[in-house]
Every structure is written in C-alpha cells, then in structure tokens.
Protein backbone atom coordinates (compact mmCIF):
# COMPACT_ATOMS: atom_id res chain seq x y z
CA MET A 1 5.21 12.55 -7.89
CA LYS A 2 7.30 9.30 -8.18
CA VAL A 3 6.30 6.28 -6.97
CA LYS A 4 9.12 3.09 -6.95
CA VAL A 5 8.18 -0.60 -6.33
CA ASP A 6 10.00 -2.44 -3.52
CA ALA A 7 10.72 -6.01 -5.50
CA GLU A 8 12.10 -7.33 -2.15
CA LEU A 9 8.92 -6.45 -0.43
CA CYS A 10 6.66 -7.04 -3.12
CA VAL A 11 4.41 -10.44 -3.06
CA GLY A 12 3.15 -10.09 -6.42
CA CYS A 13 -0.94 -9.78 -5.60
CA GLY A 14 -1.56 -7.29 -8.14
CA LEU A 15 -3.93 -5.01 -6.46
CA CYS A 16 -1.52 -1.78 -7.65
CA VAL A 17 -2.14 -3.01 -11.19
CA ASN A 18 -5.91 -3.90 -10.50
CA THR A 19 -6.17 0.31 -9.37
CA CYS A 20 -3.62 1.43 -11.47
CA PRO A 21 -2.24 -0.18 -14.63
CA GLU A 22 -1.52 3.20 -16.07
CA VAL A 23 1.92 2.84 -13.83
CA PHE A 24 2.41 -0.66 -12.52
CA GLU A 25 2.51 -3.77 -14.48
CA MET A 26 3.21 -7.16 -13.36
CA LYS A 27 7.03 -8.60 -14.61
CA GLU A 28 7.12 -12.75 -13.52
CA ASP A 29 5.93 -12.79 -10.32
CA LYS A 30 6.31 -8.96 -9.00
CA ALA A 31 5.13 -5.49 -9.76
CA ILE A 32 7.00 -2.03 -11.89
CA VAL A 33 6.80 0.45 -12.23
CA ILE A 34 6.36 1.43 -15.76
CA LYS A 35 6.18 5.49 -14.97
CA GLU A 36 8.07 6.67 -12.21
CA ASN A 37 6.97 9.92 -12.93
CA VAL A 38 3.32 9.74 -11.90
CA PRO A 39 0.78 11.29 -14.30
CA SER A 40 -1.47 13.85 -11.38
CA GLU A 41 -4.56 12.57 -12.86
CA LYS A 42 -2.95 9.64 -11.82
CA GLU A 43 -1.76 10.05 -8.19
CA ASP A 44 -4.99 9.78 -6.56
CA ASP A 45 -4.88 5.97 -7.64
CA CYS A 46 -1.06 5.61 -7.09
CA ARG A 47 -2.07 6.75 -3.26
CA GLN A 48 -4.40 4.40 -3.28
CA SER A 49 -2.35 1.50 -4.69
CA LYS A 50 -0.21 2.16 -1.60
CA ASP A 51 -2.41 2.39 0.88
CA GLU A 52 -4.34 -1.36 -0.30
CA CYS A 53 -0.65 -2.60 -0.63
CA PRO A 54 -0.43 -5.77 1.94
CA VAL A 55 3.29 -5.78 2.24
CA GLU A 56 3.67 -1.38 2.17
CA ALA A 57 6.38 -2.42 -1.30
CA ILE A 58 4.98 0.91 -3.13
CA ILE A 59 7.11 4.36 -2.25
CA ILE A 60 6.22 7.43 -3.24
CA GLU A 61 8.15 10.29 -3.13
C-alpha cells in the first residue's frame, strides 16, 4: 500500500498524525508522508486516517 497527502487540500488538522504517526508527520502547517510504502501492520491505521480526514486529502493506492 502506498499513501500520499494532497498538500493543496490539507488543512493541517493533525488527525492523521495522531492516528498513524509512523506514516504521517506535520511539517509547518501541513501533514506529510514519512513512509510512502506503508508497513503492513499500519495499513488499518492508515485507512482510518484517510477515512477521518475532514478534507479527503489522503490518497491510498
């Protein structure tokens, strides 16, 4: 599984970082992906981050 954050949509709420800090972190006022290839044990957390994102800025491939 690969994940991306659309920086144009991200509002920097931090929910993804709270849910899955192994994959996301905040840089300035936006979330960024620190592990594009999501470890298998973190895939559920990553999907939860996508589902909780208020602006649908997280893209999973």
